[in-house]
Amino acid sequence: MGIIAFLVIGLLAGLIARALLPGNQSMGLLATMLLGIAGSFVGGFVGSLFRTGGRVFDLHPSGLIFSVIGAMLLLLLVGMAGRSRRVRV
């Protein structure tokens, strides 16, 4: 997969994940792209667990779906970590 395609799929996955999750995720396009790329790695790993003979970095039609799911998982984890650091009065 080319680096440009990887970046575009990462940006697309990050945008979709941010749109599907409620709440305010204040991040720019670069952070959204990095979120989608990290979500691609997480989703690729999870997707490779369900396929036999597949590699993590192969391009599959379900790759965008797993990328979005991985990005949503990362957003949820970051959101939960951010909530635990706030001081409650």
PDB file of N, CA and C in Angstrom:
ATOM      1  N   MET A   1       0.857  -1.163   0.000  1.00  0.00           N
ATOM      2  CA  MET A   1       0.000   0.000   0.000  1.00  0.00           C
ATOM      3  C   MET A   1       0.904   1.227   0.000  1.00  0.00           C
ATOM      4  N   GLY A   2       0.554   2.198  -0.801  1.00  0.00           N
ATOM      5  CA  GLY A   2       1.344   3.412  -0.864  1.00  0.00           C
ATOM      6  C   GLY A   2       1.143   4.273   0.365  1.00  0.00           C
ATOM      7  N   ILE A   3       2.116   5.111   0.629  1.00  0.00           N
ATOM      8  CA  ILE A   3       2.065   5.966   1.821  1.00  0.00           C
ATOM      9  C   ILE A   3       0.927   6.980   1.716  1.00  0.00           C
ATOM     10  N   ILE A   4       0.655   7.461   0.499  1.00  0.00           N
ATOM     11  CA  ILE A   4      -0.438   8.418   0.315  1.00  0.00           C
ATOM     12  C   ILE A   4      -1.778   7.754   0.615  1.00  0.00           C
ATOM     13  N   ALA A   5      -1.970   6.543   0.138  1.00  0.00           N
ATOM     14  CA  ALA A   5      -3.212   5.812   0.412  1.00  0.00           C
ATOM     15  C   ALA A   5      -3.352   5.544   1.903  1.00  0.00           C
ATOM     16  N   PHE A   6      -2.239   5.225   2.554  1.00  0.00           N
ATOM     17  CA  PHE A   6      -2.262   4.966   3.994  1.00  0.00           C
ATOM     18  C   PHE A   6      -2.679   6.220   4.762  1.00  0.00           C
ATOM     19  N   LEU A   7      -2.166   7.382   4.350  1.00  0.00           N
ATOM     20  CA  LEU A   7      -2.515   8.639   5.007  1.00  0.00           C
ATOM     21  C   LEU A   7      -3.971   9.024   4.747  1.00  0.00           C
ATOM     22  N   VAL A   8      -4.433   8.815   3.526  1.00  0.00           N
ATOM     23  CA  VAL A   8      -5.818   9.159   3.192  1.00  0.00           C
ATOM     24  C   VAL A   8      -6.792   8.248   3.933  1.00  0.00           C
ATOM     25  N   ILE A   9      -6.507   6.964   3.978  1.00  0.00           N
ATOM     26  CA  ILE A   9      -7.375   6.040   4.709  1.00  0.00           C
ATOM     27  C   ILE A   9      -7.344   6.359   6.203  1.00  0.00           C
ATOM     28  N   GLY A  10      -6.185   6.734   6.721  1.00  0.00           N
ATOM     29  CA  GLY A  10      -6.097   7.128   8.126  1.00  0.00           C
ATOM     30  C   GLY A  10      -6.923   8.364   8.422  1.00  0.00           C
ATOM     31  N   LEU A  11      -6.857   9.363   7.536  1.00  0.00           N
ATOM     32  CA  LEU A  11      -7.656  10.576   7.730  1.00  0.00           C
ATOM     33  C   LEU A  11      -9.139  10.259   7.641  1.00  0.00           C
ATOM     34  N   LEU A  12      -9.516   9.461   6.681  1.00  0.00           N
ATOM     35  CA  LEU A  12     -10.925   9.097   6.516  1.00  0.00           C
ATOM     36  C   LEU A  12     -11.442   8.310   7.714  1.00  0.00           C
ATOM     37  N   ALA A  13     -10.657   7.367   8.184  1.00  0.00           N
ATOM     38  CA  ALA A  13     -11.067   6.573   9.352  1.00  0.00           C
ATOM     39  C   ALA A  13     -11.170   7.452  10.593  1.00  0.00           C
ATOM     40  N   GLY A  14     -10.230   8.364  10.775  1.00  0.00           N
ATOM     41  CA  GLY A  14     -10.286   9.264  11.925  1.00  0.00           C
ATOM     42  C   GLY A  14     -11.493  10.184  11.882  1.00  0.00           C
ATOM     43  N   LEU A  15     -11.815  10.712  10.699  1.00  0.00           N
ATOM     44  CA  LEU A  15     -12.982  11.584  10.568  1.00  0.00           C
ATOM     45  C   LEU A  15     -14.274  10.838  10.843  1.00  0.00           C
ATOM     46  N   ILE A  16     -14.388   9.622  10.323  1.00  0.00           N
ATOM     47  CA  ILE A  16     -15.602   8.828  10.550  1.00  0.00           C
ATOM     48  C   ILE A  16     -15.736   8.464  12.025  1.00  0.00           C
ATOM     49  N   ALA A  17     -14.631   8.078  12.663  1.00  0.00           N
ATOM     50  CA  ALA A  17     -14.679   7.711  14.085  1.00  0.00           C
ATOM     51  C   ALA A  17     -15.079   8.907  14.939  1.00  0.00           C
ATOM     52  N   ARG A  18     -14.536  10.086  14.629  1.00  0.00           N
ATOM     53  CA  ARG A  18     -14.900  11.280  15.396  1.00  0.00           C
ATOM     54  C   ARG A  18     -16.357  11.651  15.175  1.00  0.00           C
ATOM     55  N   ALA A  19     -16.880  11.411  13.971  1.00  0.00           N
ATOM     56  CA  ALA A  19     -18.279  11.737  13.687  1.00  0.00           C
ATOM     57  C   ALA A  19     -19.236  10.769  14.380  1.00  0.00           C
ATOM     58  N   LEU A  20     -18.831   9.513  14.525  1.00  0.00           N
ATOM     59  CA  LEU A  20     -19.715   8.511  15.123  1.00  0.00           C
ATOM     60  C   LEU A  20     -19.762   8.581  16.640  1.00  0.00           C
ATOM     61  N   LEU A  21     -18.684   9.022  17.262  1.00  0.00           N
ATOM     62  CA  LEU A  21     -18.663   9.087  18.723  1.00  0.00           C
ATOM     63  C   LEU A  21     -19.217  10.422  19.198  1.00  0.00           C
ATOM     64  N   PRO A  22     -20.123  10.391  20.167  1.00  0.00           N
ATOM     65  CA  PRO A  22     -20.640  11.659  20.689  1.00  0.00           C
ATOM     66  C   PRO A  22     -19.596  12.350  21.551  1.00  0.00           C
ATOM     67  N   GLY A  23     -19.756  13.633  21.684  1.00  0.00           N
ATOM     68  CA  GLY A  23     -18.840  14.401  22.516  1.00  0.00           C
ATOM     69  C   GLY A  23     -17.945  15.285  21.674  1.00  0.00           C
ATOM     70  N   ASN A  24     -17.161  16.087  22.366  1.00  0.00           N
ATOM     71  CA  ASN A  24     -16.286  17.033  21.707  1.00  0.00           C
ATOM     72  C   ASN A  24     -14.863  16.502  21.727  1.00  0.00           C
ATOM     73  N   GLN A  25     -14.352  16.147  20.559  1.00  0.00           N
ATOM     74  CA  GLN A  25     -12.950  15.761  20.433  1.00  0.00           C
ATOM     75  C   GLN A  25     -12.254  16.916  19.737  1.00  0.00           C
ATOM     76  N   SER A  26     -11.575  17.716  20.511  1.00  0.00           N
ATOM     77  CA  SER A  26     -10.917  18.891  19.939  1.00  0.00           C
ATOM     78  C   SER A  26      -9.540  18.494  19.424  1.00  0.00           C
ATOM     79  N   MET A  27      -9.469  18.221  18.126  1.00  0.00           N
ATOM     80  CA  MET A  27      -8.206  17.885  17.491  1.00  0.00           C
ATOM     81  C   MET A  27      -8.257  18.358  16.047  1.00  0.00           C
ATOM     82  N   GLY A  28      -7.102  18.672  15.513  1.00  0.00           N
ATOM     83  CA  GLY A  28      -7.005  19.139  14.141  1.00  0.00           C
ATOM     84  C   GLY A  28      -6.925  17.983  13.154  1.00  0.00           C
ATOM     85  N   LEU A  29      -6.672  18.331  11.892  1.00  0.00           N
ATOM     86  CA  LEU A  29      -6.615  17.320  10.854  1.00  0.00           C
ATOM     87  C   LEU A  29      -5.427  16.379  11.026  1.00  0.00           C
ATOM     88  N   LEU A  30      -4.297  16.914  11.457  1.00  0.00           N
ATOM     89  CA  LEU A  30      -3.122  16.057  11.649  1.00  0.00           C
ATOM     90  C   LEU A  30      -3.354  15.053  12.775  1.00  0.00           C
ATOM     91  N   ALA A  31      -3.931  15.512  13.883  1.00  0.00           N
ATOM     92  CA  ALA A  31      -4.230  14.595  14.991  1.00  0.00           C
ATOM     93  C   ALA A  31      -5.299  13.587  14.589  1.00  0.00           C
ATOM     94  N   THR A  32      -6.258  14.018  13.776  1.00  0.00           N
ATOM     95  CA  THR A  32      -7.290  13.102  13.288  1.00  0.00           C
ATOM     96  C   THR A  32      -6.675  12.042  12.386  1.00  0.00           C
ATOM     97  N   MET A  33      -5.725  12.464  11.546  1.00  0.00           N
ATOM     98  CA  MET A  33      -5.047  11.514  10.671  1.00  0.00           C
ATOM     99  C   MET A  33      -4.225  10.519  11.487  1.00  0.00           C
ATOM    100  N   LEU A  34      -3.527  11.000  12.502  1.00  0.00           N
ATOM    101  CA  LEU A  34      -2.743  10.106  13.361  1.00  0.00           C
ATOM    102  C   LEU A  34      -3.648   9.147  14.129  1.00  0.00           C
ATOM    103  N   LEU A  35      -4.818   9.639  14.535  1.00  0.00           N
ATOM    104  CA  LEU A  35      -5.798   8.776  15.195  1.00  0.00           C
ATOM    105  C   LEU A  35      -6.248   7.667  14.250  1.00  0.00           C
ATOM    106  N   GLY A  36      -6.534   8.018  13.005  1.00  0.00           N
ATOM    107  CA  GLY A  36      -6.961   7.022  12.031  1.00  0.00           C
ATOM    108  C   GLY A  36      -5.868   6.024  11.703  1.00  0.00           C
ATOM    109  N   ILE A  37      -4.611   6.494  11.639  1.00  0.00           N
ATOM    110  CA  ILE A  37      -3.492   5.591  11.366  1.00  0.00           C
ATOM    111  C   ILE A  37      -3.300   4.619  12.523  1.00  0.00           C
ATOM    112  N   ALA A  38      -3.360   5.133  13.745  1.00  0.00           N
ATOM    113  CA  ALA A  38      -3.259   4.251  14.909  1.00  0.00           C
ATOM    114  C   ALA A  38      -4.449   3.299  14.953  1.00  0.00           C
ATOM    115  N   GLY A  39      -5.630   3.801  14.587  1.00  0.00           N
ATOM    116  CA  GLY A  39      -6.805   2.942  14.516  1.00  0.00           C
ATOM    117  C   GLY A  39      -6.655   1.864  13.452  1.00  0.00           C
ATOM    118  N   SER A  40      -5.936   2.177  12.364  1.00  0.00           N
ATOM    119  CA  SER A  40      -5.679   1.170  11.334  1.00  0.00           C
ATOM    120  C   SER A  40      -4.822   0.038  11.872  1.00  0.00           C
ATOM    121  N   PHE A  41      -3.808   0.397  12.673  1.00  0.00           N
ATOM    122  CA  PHE A  41      -2.969  -0.641  13.269  1.00  0.00           C
ATOM    123  C   PHE A  41      -3.775  -1.504  14.242  1.00  0.00           C
ATOM    124  N   VAL A  42      -4.571  -0.853  15.093  1.00  0.00           N
ATOM    125  CA  VAL A  42      -5.386  -1.604  16.055  1.00  0.00           C
ATOM    126  C   VAL A  42      -6.427  -2.445  15.319  1.00  0.00           C
ATOM    127  N   GLY A  43      -7.108  -1.830  14.349  1.00  0.00           N
ATOM    128  CA  GLY A  43      -8.120  -2.558  13.589  1.00  0.00           C
ATOM    129  C   GLY A  43      -7.526  -3.665  12.738  1.00  0.00           C
ATOM    130  N   GLY A  44      -6.342  -3.434  12.168  1.00  0.00           N
ATOM    131  CA  GLY A  44      -5.674  -4.469  11.389  1.00  0.00           C
ATOM    132  C   GLY A  44      -5.288  -5.655  12.240  1.00  0.00           C
ATOM    133  N   PHE A  45      -4.854  -5.375  13.464  1.00  0.00           N
ATOM    134  CA  PHE A  45      -4.507  -6.467  14.372  1.00  0.00           C
ATOM    135  C   PHE A  45      -5.752  -7.258  14.757  1.00  0.00           C
ATOM    136  N   VAL A  46      -6.823  -6.558  15.093  1.00  0.00           N
ATOM    137  CA  VAL A  46      -8.066  -7.240  15.468  1.00  0.00           C
ATOM    138  C   VAL A  46      -8.622  -8.010  14.270  1.00  0.00           C
ATOM    139  N   GLY A  47      -8.567  -7.412  13.082  1.00  0.00           N
ATOM    140  CA  GLY A  47      -9.057  -8.082  11.883  1.00  0.00           C
ATOM    141  C   GLY A  47      -8.241  -9.307  11.527  1.00  0.00           C
ATOM    142  N   SER A  48      -6.936  -9.266  11.773  1.00  0.00           N
ATOM    143  CA  SER A  48      -6.095 -10.427  11.461  1.00  0.00           C
ATOM    144  C   SER A  48      -6.369 -11.586  12.402  1.00  0.00           C
ATOM    145  N   LEU A  49      -6.935 -11.310  13.560  1.00  0.00           N
ATOM    146  CA  LEU A  49      -7.304 -12.389  14.476  1.00  0.00           C
ATOM    147  C   LEU A  49      -8.468 -13.201  13.940  1.00  0.00           C
ATOM    148  N   PHE A  50      -9.330 -12.572  13.105  1.00  0.00           N
ATOM    149  CA  PHE A  50     -10.501 -13.248  12.571  1.00  0.00           C
ATOM    150  C   PHE A  50     -10.251 -13.895  11.217  1.00  0.00           C
ATOM    151  N   ARG A  51      -9.140 -13.562  10.557  1.00  0.00           N
ATOM    152  CA  ARG A  51      -8.819 -14.137   9.257  1.00  0.00           C
ATOM    153  C   ARG A  51      -7.691 -15.133   9.421  1.00  0.00           C
ATOM    154  N   THR A  52      -7.723 -16.154   8.600  1.00  0.00           N
ATOM    155  CA  THR A  52      -6.625 -17.112   8.609  1.00  0.00           C
ATOM    156  C   THR A  52      -5.740 -16.843   7.400  1.00  0.00           C
ATOM    157  N   GLY A  53      -4.463 -16.858   7.612  1.00  0.00           N
ATOM    158  CA  GLY A  53      -3.506 -16.658   6.532  1.00  0.00           C
ATOM    159  C   GLY A  53      -3.349 -15.217   6.110  1.00  0.00           C
ATOM    160  N   GLY A  54      -3.918 -14.287   6.829  1.00  0.00           N
ATOM    161  CA  GLY A  54      -3.799 -12.879   6.470  1.00  0.00           C
ATOM    162  C   GLY A  54      -2.728 -12.187   7.294  1.00  0.00           C
ATOM    163  N   ARG A  55      -2.135 -11.175   6.684  1.00  0.00           N
ATOM    164  CA  ARG A  55      -1.152 -10.381   7.411  1.00  0.00           C
ATOM    165  C   ARG A  55      -1.826  -9.127   7.932  1.00  0.00           C
ATOM    166  N   VAL A  56      -1.197  -8.476   8.893  1.00  0.00           N
ATOM    167  CA  VAL A  56      -1.783  -7.293   9.515  1.00  0.00           C
ATOM    168  C   VAL A  56      -1.854  -6.135   8.525  1.00  0.00           C
ATOM    169  N   PHE A  57      -0.871  -5.984   7.652  1.00  0.00           N
ATOM    170  CA  PHE A  57      -0.793  -4.817   6.787  1.00  0.00           C
ATOM    171  C   PHE A  57      -1.391  -5.034   5.402  1.00  0.00           C
ATOM    172  N   ASP A  58      -2.084  -6.143   5.173  1.00  0.00           N
ATOM    173  CA  ASP A  58      -2.735  -6.365   3.888  1.00  0.00           C
ATOM    174  C   ASP A  58      -3.926  -5.427   3.743  1.00  0.00           C
ATOM    175  N   LEU A  59      -4.202  -5.020   2.501  1.00  0.00           N
ATOM    176  CA  LEU A  59      -5.342  -4.163   2.224  1.00  0.00           C
ATOM    177  C   LEU A  59      -6.553  -5.034   1.908  1.00  0.00           C
ATOM    178  N   HIS A  60      -7.602  -4.905   2.725  1.00  0.00           N
ATOM    179  CA  HIS A  60      -8.821  -5.685   2.558  1.00  0.00           C
ATOM    180  C   HIS A  60     -10.001  -4.726   2.491  1.00  0.00           C
ATOM    181  N   PRO A  61     -11.105  -5.135   1.889  1.00  0.00           N
ATOM    182  CA  PRO A  61     -12.288  -4.272   1.864  1.00  0.00           C
ATOM    183  C   PRO A  61     -12.794  -3.930   3.270  1.00  0.00           C
ATOM    184  N   SER A  62     -12.606  -4.818   4.198  1.00  0.00           N
ATOM    185  CA  SER A  62     -13.052  -4.545   5.568  1.00  0.00           C
ATOM    186  C   SER A  62     -12.042  -3.714   6.338  1.00  0.00           C
ATOM    187  N   GLY A  63     -10.959  -3.328   5.703  1.00  0.00           N
ATOM    188  CA  GLY A  63      -9.911  -2.576   6.386  1.00  0.00           C
ATOM    189  C   GLY A  63     -10.370  -1.233   6.903  1.00  0.00           C
ATOM    190  N   LEU A  64     -11.185  -0.516   6.128  1.00  0.00           N
ATOM    191  CA  LEU A  64     -11.673   0.784   6.577  1.00  0.00           C
ATOM    192  C   LEU A  64     -12.614   0.612   7.762  1.00  0.00           C
ATOM    193  N   ILE A  65     -13.410  -0.439   7.730  1.00  0.00           N
ATOM    194  CA  ILE A  65     -14.339  -0.684   8.844  1.00  0.00           C
ATOM    195  C   ILE A  65     -13.551  -0.970  10.126  1.00  0.00           C
ATOM    196  N   PHE A  66     -12.551  -1.839  10.025  1.00  0.00           N
ATOM    197  CA  PHE A  66     -11.745  -2.136  11.206  1.00  0.00           C
ATOM    198  C   PHE A  66     -10.906  -0.934  11.625  1.00  0.00           C
ATOM    199  N   SER A  67     -10.508  -0.099  10.685  1.00  0.00           N
ATOM    200  CA  SER A  67      -9.772   1.120  11.022  1.00  0.00           C
ATOM    201  C   SER A  67     -10.645   2.069  11.821  1.00  0.00           C
ATOM    202  N   VAL A  68     -11.902   2.203  11.408  1.00  0.00           N
ATOM    203  CA  VAL A  68     -12.833   3.072  12.136  1.00  0.00           C
ATOM    204  C   VAL A  68     -13.102   2.511  13.526  1.00  0.00           C
ATOM    205  N   ILE A  69     -13.288   1.200  13.620  1.00  0.00           N
ATOM    206  CA  ILE A  69     -13.528   0.574  14.925  1.00  0.00           C
ATOM    207  C   ILE A  69     -12.314   0.753  15.831  1.00  0.00           C
ATOM    208  N   GLY A  70     -11.113   0.562  15.282  1.00  0.00           N
ATOM    209  CA  GLY A  70      -9.900   0.766  16.074  1.00  0.00           C
ATOM    210  C   GLY A  70      -9.742   2.206  16.520  1.00  0.00           C
ATOM    211  N   ALA A  71     -10.066   3.166  15.648  1.00  0.00           N
ATOM    212  CA  ALA A  71      -9.981   4.583  16.016  1.00  0.00           C
ATOM    213  C   ALA A  71     -11.011   4.936  17.081  1.00  0.00           C
ATOM    214  N   MET A  72     -12.204   4.332  16.989  1.00  0.00           N
ATOM    215  CA  MET A  72     -13.219   4.579  18.011  1.00  0.00           C
ATOM    216  C   MET A  72     -12.781   4.020  19.361  1.00  0.00           C
ATOM    217  N   LEU A  73     -12.155   2.843  19.344  1.00  0.00           N
ATOM    218  CA  LEU A  73     -11.633   2.278  20.592  1.00  0.00           C
ATOM    219  C   LEU A  73     -10.579   3.190  21.207  1.00  0.00           C
ATOM    220  N   LEU A  74      -9.698   3.714  20.371  1.00  0.00           N
ATOM    221  CA  LEU A  74      -8.668   4.618  20.881  1.00  0.00           C
ATOM    222  C   LEU A  74      -9.272   5.908  21.430  1.00  0.00           C
ATOM    223  N   LEU A  75     -10.284   6.454  20.751  1.00  0.00           N
ATOM    224  CA  LEU A  75     -10.952   7.652  21.260  1.00  0.00           C
ATOM    225  C   LEU A  75     -11.626   7.395  22.600  1.00  0.00           C
ATOM    226  N   LEU A  76     -12.246   6.230  22.736  1.00  0.00           N
ATOM    227  CA  LEU A  76     -12.879   5.890  24.016  1.00  0.00           C
ATOM    228  C   LEU A  76     -11.844   5.761  25.126  1.00  0.00           C
ATOM    229  N   LEU A  77     -10.715   5.122  24.821  1.00  0.00           N
ATOM    230  CA  LEU A  77      -9.666   4.973  25.833  1.00  0.00           C
ATOM    231  C   LEU A  77      -9.076   6.317  26.234  1.00  0.00           C
ATOM    232  N   VAL A  78      -8.849   7.187  25.273  1.00  0.00           N
ATOM    233  CA  VAL A  78      -8.319   8.515  25.585  1.00  0.00           C
ATOM    234  C   VAL A  78      -9.338   9.323  26.378  1.00  0.00           C
ATOM    235  N   GLY A  79     -10.609   9.196  26.023  1.00  0.00           N
ATOM    236  CA  GLY A  79     -11.659   9.895  26.763  1.00  0.00           C
ATOM    237  C   GLY A  79     -11.780   9.427  28.195  1.00  0.00           C
ATOM    238  N   MET A  80     -11.650   8.115  28.410  1.00  0.00           N
ATOM    239  CA  MET A  80     -11.718   7.587  29.772  1.00  0.00           C
ATOM    240  C   MET A  80     -10.495   7.996  30.573  1.00  0.00           C
ATOM    241  N   ALA A  81      -9.334   8.045  29.937  1.00  0.00           N
ATOM    242  CA  ALA A  81      -8.118   8.459  30.645  1.00  0.00           C
ATOM    243  C   ALA A  81      -8.184   9.938  30.998  1.00  0.00           C
ATOM    244  N   GLY A  82      -8.776  10.741  30.126  1.00  0.00           N
ATOM    245  CA  GLY A  82      -8.896  12.173  30.395  1.00  0.00           C
ATOM    246  C   GLY A  82      -9.872  12.472  31.518  1.00  0.00           C
ATOM    247  N   ARG A  83     -10.916  11.665  31.631  1.00  0.00           N
ATOM    248  CA  ARG A  83     -11.895  11.870  32.697  1.00  0.00           C
ATOM    249  C   ARG A  83     -11.331  11.540  34.067  1.00  0.00           C
ATOM    250  N   SER A  84     -10.445  10.567  34.136  1.00  0.00           N
ATOM    251  CA  SER A  84      -9.929  10.163  35.453  1.00  0.00           C
ATOM    252  C   SER A  84      -8.934  11.177  36.002  1.00  0.00           C
ATOM    253  N   ARG A  85      -8.367  12.033  35.153  1.00  0.00           N
ATOM    254  CA  ARG A  85      -7.404  13.020  35.624  1.00  0.00           C
ATOM    255  C   ARG A  85      -8.039  14.306  36.097  1.00  0.00           C
ATOM    256  N   ARG A  86      -9.311  14.521  35.795  1.00  0.00           N
ATOM    257  CA  ARG A  86      -9.962  15.761  36.192  1.00  0.00           C
ATOM    258  C   ARG A  86     -10.220  15.768  37.696  1.00  0.00           C
ATOM    259  N   VAL A  87     -10.108  16.935  38.270  1.00  0.00           N
ATOM    260  CA  VAL A  87     -10.383  17.094  39.703  1.00  0.00           C
ATOM    261  C   VAL A  87     -11.873  17.342  39.863  1.00  0.00           C
ATOM    262  N   ARG A  88     -12.503  16.542  40.672  1.00  0.00           N
ATOM    263  CA  ARG A  88     -13.934  16.702  40.903  1.00  0.00           C
ATOM    264  C   ARG A  88     -14.151  17.465  42.199  1.00  0.00           C
ATOM    265  N   VAL A  89     -15.054  18.410  42.148  1.00  0.00           N
ATOM    266  CA  VAL A  89     -15.316  19.249  43.322  1.00  0.00           C
ATOM    267  C   VAL A  89     -16.653  18.924  43.890  1.00  0.00           C
TER     268      VAL A  89
END
